[in-house]
Amino acid sequence: MTDPIDPNYLRTRNVLRVLGPALLVLAVVFGLIAFIDLVITMTSEFRPPRLFWCFFIAGPLGFVGLAMTSAGYAEAIARYNARAAAPPAKDTFNYMAEGTKEGVKSLAQAVKEGLTSPPSSNGDSPITSCPGCGEPNEPAAKFCKKCGKPVSAQFPCKHCQHPNDPDARFCDMCGKPLA
């Protein structure tokens, strides 16, 4: 559904479309008169040109006429340019999208795997957070740099060296207290 066009807009556009070209024609006429007078004075008898002032009228008239004509036809020019540019832009976008489809799929798959898989234990694991205070620590850290609690996934028992959870108070293997 299109919006109704404002009658003032239509009136202004029509005035610009009529008055602009009329001023351009008038500027051309004044420019020709001044030019012909200049040529006649230089070829036949050498006298100063009498109608040279017409150049000073033609310039501003031409400028104003061109500006008014451009404003009057700006919408039509914009619509033409949009219709001319849209199909090549669409074709270019589709061509580029087709060429990058596999790359986008690979990137999406890598992001999905990165979000769903557990961190690896080969030294490339991300920075670990302290279970007690939440402070980020280096992956190789065994104790929190802020509160001193153990941050590694497994905490070895002093007596039997069995790995235990960091929050365990007694060893899972020997039952002795983990101090």
Foldseek 3Di string as FASTA:
>chain_A
DDDDDDVVVVVLLVCLQPQLVVLLVVLVVLVVVLVVQVVVCVPDPPDDRPSVCSPVVSVVSNVSSVVSNCVSCVVVVVVVVCVVPVVVVVVVVVVVCVVCVVVVVVVVVVVVCVVPDAADPPLPGDFFAAPPPRHTHHQPAQADPPPGQGGHQWDAAPPPGDTDGSPDQADPPPRHGRD
